[in-house]
Amino acid sequence: MPDASKAAVLPRARVVPRLLTDLDPETAKLIEDVTYDSKGRAVPKLFSKLAASKELRAMLNISNKEAPRDITQLSDQELIATLAQQAKELGVEIKLDYHFARQPPATETDGQGSQVIDNEGESNKR
């Protein structure tokens, strides 16, 4: 049988959680929430790196399979519609047609590879 003097009950140390204000700032910002269990003990909930990563990817549109279309990928009709809408929002009057894409009339050549300049328009002005 064990000796009665050795069987004395040792006092149990009580663990008291530190206040969030007592923690250093680097440690305190890792804690998302503090809940209490059935015995009244504080249980800190840490931020989840996985959840934060998912949220960041969603905000920055990183995980989408299809990248957002930029202006270089728009068709001509979509580009003109976008420009017209922006001009309307800004209150700017703009003429959107394909005049810029029209080719000037072909000039005639003299048969030797040189161009013949048509001065017909200038002769009418005189």
C-alpha atoms as a PDB file:
ATOM      1  CA  MET A   1       0.000   0.000   0.000  1.00  0.00           C
ATOM      2  CA  PRO A   2       1.191   3.461  -0.790  1.00  0.00           C
ATOM      3  CA  ASP A   3       2.269   5.681   2.016  1.00  0.00           C
ATOM      4  CA  ALA A   4      -0.465   8.143   3.111  1.00  0.00           C
ATOM      5  CA  SER A   5       1.940  11.069   3.142  1.00  0.00           C
ATOM      6  CA  LYS A   6       2.800  10.497  -0.520  1.00  0.00           C
ATOM      7  CA  ALA A   7      -0.849  10.227  -1.576  1.00  0.00           C
ATOM      8  CA  ALA A   8      -1.574  13.895  -0.934  1.00  0.00           C
ATOM      9  CA  VAL A   9      -3.560  15.610  -3.636  1.00  0.00           C
ATOM     10  CA  LEU A  10      -1.590  18.160  -5.573  1.00  0.00           C
ATOM     11  CA  PRO A  11      -3.390  21.407  -6.326  1.00  0.00           C
ATOM     12  CA  ARG A  12      -4.443  21.675  -9.957  1.00  0.00           C
ATOM     13  CA  ALA A  13      -3.245  24.720 -11.834  1.00  0.00           C
ATOM     14  CA  ARG A  14      -6.027  26.724 -13.366  1.00  0.00           C
ATOM     15  CA  VAL A  15      -5.422  28.013 -16.877  1.00  0.00           C
ATOM     16  CA  VAL A  16      -6.770  31.504 -17.391  1.00  0.00           C
ATOM     17  CA  PRO A  17      -6.890  32.703 -20.992  1.00  0.00           C
ATOM     18  CA  ARG A  18      -5.114  35.933 -21.744  1.00  0.00           C
ATOM     19  CA  LEU A  19      -7.131  38.876 -22.949  1.00  0.00           C
ATOM     20  CA  LEU A  20      -6.947  39.712 -26.647  1.00  0.00           C
ATOM     21  CA  THR A  21      -5.595  43.110 -25.684  1.00  0.00           C
ATOM     22  CA  ASP A  22      -2.717  41.373 -23.883  1.00  0.00           C
ATOM     23  CA  LEU A  23      -1.679  39.459 -27.005  1.00  0.00           C
ATOM     24  CA  ASP A  24       0.852  40.898 -29.387  1.00  0.00           C
ATOM     25  CA  PRO A  25      -0.797  42.406 -32.516  1.00  0.00           C
ATOM     26  CA  GLU A  26       0.547  39.705 -34.861  1.00  0.00           C
ATOM     27  CA  THR A  27      -1.077  36.937 -32.803  1.00  0.00           C
ATOM     28  CA  ALA A  28      -4.300  38.847 -32.100  1.00  0.00           C
ATOM     29  CA  LYS A  29      -5.058  39.414 -35.791  1.00  0.00           C
ATOM     30  CA  LEU A  30      -4.997  35.643 -36.434  1.00  0.00           C
ATOM     31  CA  ILE A  31      -8.093  35.186 -34.232  1.00  0.00           C
ATOM     32  CA  GLU A  32     -11.394  35.554 -36.076  1.00  0.00           C
ATOM     33  CA  ASP A  33     -13.811  34.832 -33.213  1.00  0.00           C
ATOM     34  CA  VAL A  34     -13.884  33.620 -29.605  1.00  0.00           C
ATOM     35  CA  THR A  35     -16.574  31.164 -28.492  1.00  0.00           C
ATOM     36  CA  TYR A  36     -17.133  29.470 -25.158  1.00  0.00           C
ATOM     37  CA  ASP A  37     -17.612  25.728 -24.646  1.00  0.00           C
ATOM     38  CA  SER A  38     -19.999  24.032 -22.178  1.00  0.00           C
ATOM     39  CA  LYS A  39     -17.509  24.422 -19.313  1.00  0.00           C
ATOM     40  CA  GLY A  40     -17.099  28.142 -19.938  1.00  0.00           C
ATOM     41  CA  ARG A  41     -13.646  27.909 -21.478  1.00  0.00           C
ATOM     42  CA  ALA A  42     -12.761  30.381 -24.208  1.00  0.00           C
ATOM     43  CA  VAL A  43     -12.089  28.738 -27.580  1.00  0.00           C
ATOM     44  CA  PRO A  44     -10.480  31.033 -30.146  1.00  0.00           C
ATOM     45  CA  LYS A  45     -11.379  30.445 -33.797  1.00  0.00           C
ATOM     46  CA  LEU A  46      -8.491  31.232 -36.125  1.00  0.00           C
ATOM     47  CA  PHE A  47      -8.901  32.609 -39.616  1.00  0.00           C
ATOM     48  CA  SER A  48      -8.844  29.895 -42.252  1.00  0.00           C
ATOM     49  CA  LYS A  49      -6.187  30.317 -44.931  1.00  0.00           C
ATOM     50  CA  LEU A  50      -8.269  28.172 -47.297  1.00  0.00           C
ATOM     51  CA  ALA A  51     -11.402  30.274 -46.836  1.00  0.00           C
ATOM     52  CA  ALA A  52      -9.392  33.492 -47.187  1.00  0.00           C
ATOM     53  CA  SER A  53      -7.764  32.183 -50.361  1.00  0.00           C
ATOM     54  CA  LYS A  54     -11.151  31.228 -51.867  1.00  0.00           C
ATOM     55  CA  GLU A  55     -12.600  34.623 -51.007  1.00  0.00           C
ATOM     56  CA  LEU A  56      -9.607  36.446 -52.470  1.00  0.00           C
ATOM     57  CA  ARG A  57      -9.737  34.380 -55.667  1.00  0.00           C
ATOM     58  CA  ALA A  58     -13.441  35.163 -56.033  1.00  0.00           C
ATOM     59  CA  MET A  59     -12.819  38.898 -55.494  1.00  0.00           C
ATOM     60  CA  LEU A  60      -9.967  39.033 -57.982  1.00  0.00           C
ATOM     61  CA  ASN A  61     -11.705  36.744 -60.490  1.00  0.00           C
ATOM     62  CA  ILE A  62      -8.644  34.457 -60.578  1.00  0.00           C
ATOM     63  CA  SER A  63     -10.294  31.042 -60.624  1.00  0.00           C
ATOM     64  CA  ASN A  64     -12.701  31.672 -63.507  1.00  0.00           C
ATOM     65  CA  LYS A  65     -12.151  29.347 -66.426  1.00  0.00           C
ATOM     66  CA  GLU A  66     -12.896  32.116 -68.900  1.00  0.00           C
ATOM     67  CA  ALA A  67     -10.990  35.350 -68.561  1.00  0.00           C
ATOM     68  CA  PRO A  68     -13.030  38.539 -68.841  1.00  0.00           C
ATOM     69  CA  ARG A  69     -13.062  39.899 -72.369  1.00  0.00           C
ATOM     70  CA  ASP A  70     -11.090  43.047 -72.895  1.00  0.00           C
ATOM     71  CA  ILE A  71     -11.553  45.581 -75.658  1.00  0.00           C
ATOM     72  CA  THR A  72      -9.229  43.750 -78.063  1.00  0.00           C
ATOM     73  CA  GLN A  73     -11.487  40.695 -78.066  1.00  0.00           C
ATOM     74  CA  LEU A  74     -14.717  42.515 -78.899  1.00  0.00           C
ATOM     75  CA  SER A  75     -16.309  42.219 -82.319  1.00  0.00           C
ATOM     76  CA  ASP A  76     -16.792  45.402 -84.356  1.00  0.00           C
ATOM     77  CA  GLN A  77     -20.474  45.634 -83.436  1.00  0.00           C
ATOM     78  CA  GLU A  78     -19.751  45.094 -79.731  1.00  0.00           C
ATOM     79  CA  LEU A  79     -16.969  47.692 -79.806  1.00  0.00           C
ATOM     80  CA  ILE A  80     -19.138  50.319 -81.484  1.00  0.00           C
ATOM     81  CA  ALA A  81     -22.024  49.560 -79.101  1.00  0.00           C
ATOM     82  CA  THR A  82     -19.665  49.911 -76.122  1.00  0.00           C
ATOM     83  CA  LEU A  83     -18.241  53.187 -77.428  1.00  0.00           C
ATOM     84  CA  ALA A  84     -21.736  54.548 -78.137  1.00  0.00           C
ATOM     85  CA  GLN A  85     -22.893  53.648 -74.625  1.00  0.00           C
ATOM     86  CA  GLN A  86     -19.835  55.286 -73.038  1.00  0.00           C
ATOM     87  CA  ALA A  87     -20.281  58.419 -75.161  1.00  0.00           C
ATOM     88  CA  LYS A  88     -23.952  58.576 -74.161  1.00  0.00           C
ATOM     89  CA  GLU A  89     -23.051  58.219 -70.456  1.00  0.00           C
ATOM     90  CA  LEU A  90     -20.456  60.988 -70.758  1.00  0.00           C
ATOM     91  CA  GLY A  91     -22.737  63.249 -72.793  1.00  0.00           C
ATOM     92  CA  VAL A  92     -20.338  63.327 -75.716  1.00  0.00           C
ATOM     93  CA  GLU A  93     -21.632  63.465 -79.270  1.00  0.00           C
ATOM     94  CA  ILE A  94     -19.768  60.988 -81.419  1.00  0.00           C
ATOM     95  CA  LYS A  95     -20.260  59.719 -84.962  1.00  0.00           C
ATOM     96  CA  LEU A  96     -19.725  55.978 -85.055  1.00  0.00           C
ATOM     97  CA  ASP A  97     -19.724  54.519 -88.531  1.00  0.00           C
ATOM     98  CA  TYR A  98     -17.295  52.673 -90.723  1.00  0.00           C
ATOM     99  CA  HIS A  99     -16.056  55.829 -92.517  1.00  0.00           C
ATOM    100  CA  PHE A 100     -12.602  55.293 -91.024  1.00  0.00           C
ATOM    101  CA  ALA A 101     -12.435  51.822 -92.573  1.00  0.00           C
ATOM    102  CA  ARG A 102     -13.255  52.877 -96.151  1.00  0.00           C
ATOM    103  CA  GLN A 103     -10.367  52.648 -98.585  1.00  0.00           C
ATOM    104  CA  PRO A 104      -9.574  55.630-100.824  1.00  0.00           C
ATOM    105  CA  PRO A 105     -10.336  55.091-104.521  1.00  0.00           C
ATOM    106  CA  ALA A 106      -7.582  53.303-106.402  1.00  0.00           C
ATOM    107  CA  THR A 107      -5.254  55.508-108.432  1.00  0.00           C
ATOM    108  CA  GLU A 108      -4.395  54.730-111.996  1.00  0.00           C
ATOM    109  CA  THR A 109      -0.893  53.804-113.125  1.00  0.00           C
ATOM    110  CA  ASP A 110       0.876  54.764-116.319  1.00  0.00           C
ATOM    111  CA  GLY A 111       1.832  51.148-117.053  1.00  0.00           C
ATOM    112  CA  GLN A 112       5.449  51.548-115.873  1.00  0.00           C
ATOM    113  CA  GLY A 113       4.707  51.160-112.192  1.00  0.00           C
ATOM    114  CA  SER A 114       4.367  54.904-111.556  1.00  0.00           C
ATOM    115  CA  GLN A 115       1.168  56.361-110.182  1.00  0.00           C
ATOM    116  CA  VAL A 116      -0.832  58.889-112.134  1.00  0.00           C
ATOM    117  CA  ILE A 117      -2.262  61.537-109.865  1.00  0.00           C
ATOM    118  CA  ASP A 118      -5.806  62.585-110.667  1.00  0.00           C
ATOM    119  CA  ASN A 119      -6.034  66.347-110.330  1.00  0.00           C
ATOM    120  CA  GLU A 120      -9.639  66.390-111.429  1.00  0.00           C
ATOM    121  CA  GLY A 121     -10.804  67.568-107.999  1.00  0.00           C
ATOM    122  CA  GLU A 122      -8.342  70.511-108.043  1.00  0.00           C
ATOM    123  CA  SER A 123      -9.259  71.648-111.568  1.00  0.00           C
ATOM    124  CA  ASN A 124     -12.892  72.050-110.517  1.00  0.00           C
ATOM    125  CA  LYS A 125     -11.891  74.419-107.721  1.00  0.00           C
ATOM    126  CA  ARG A 126     -10.260  76.934-110.074  1.00  0.00           C
END
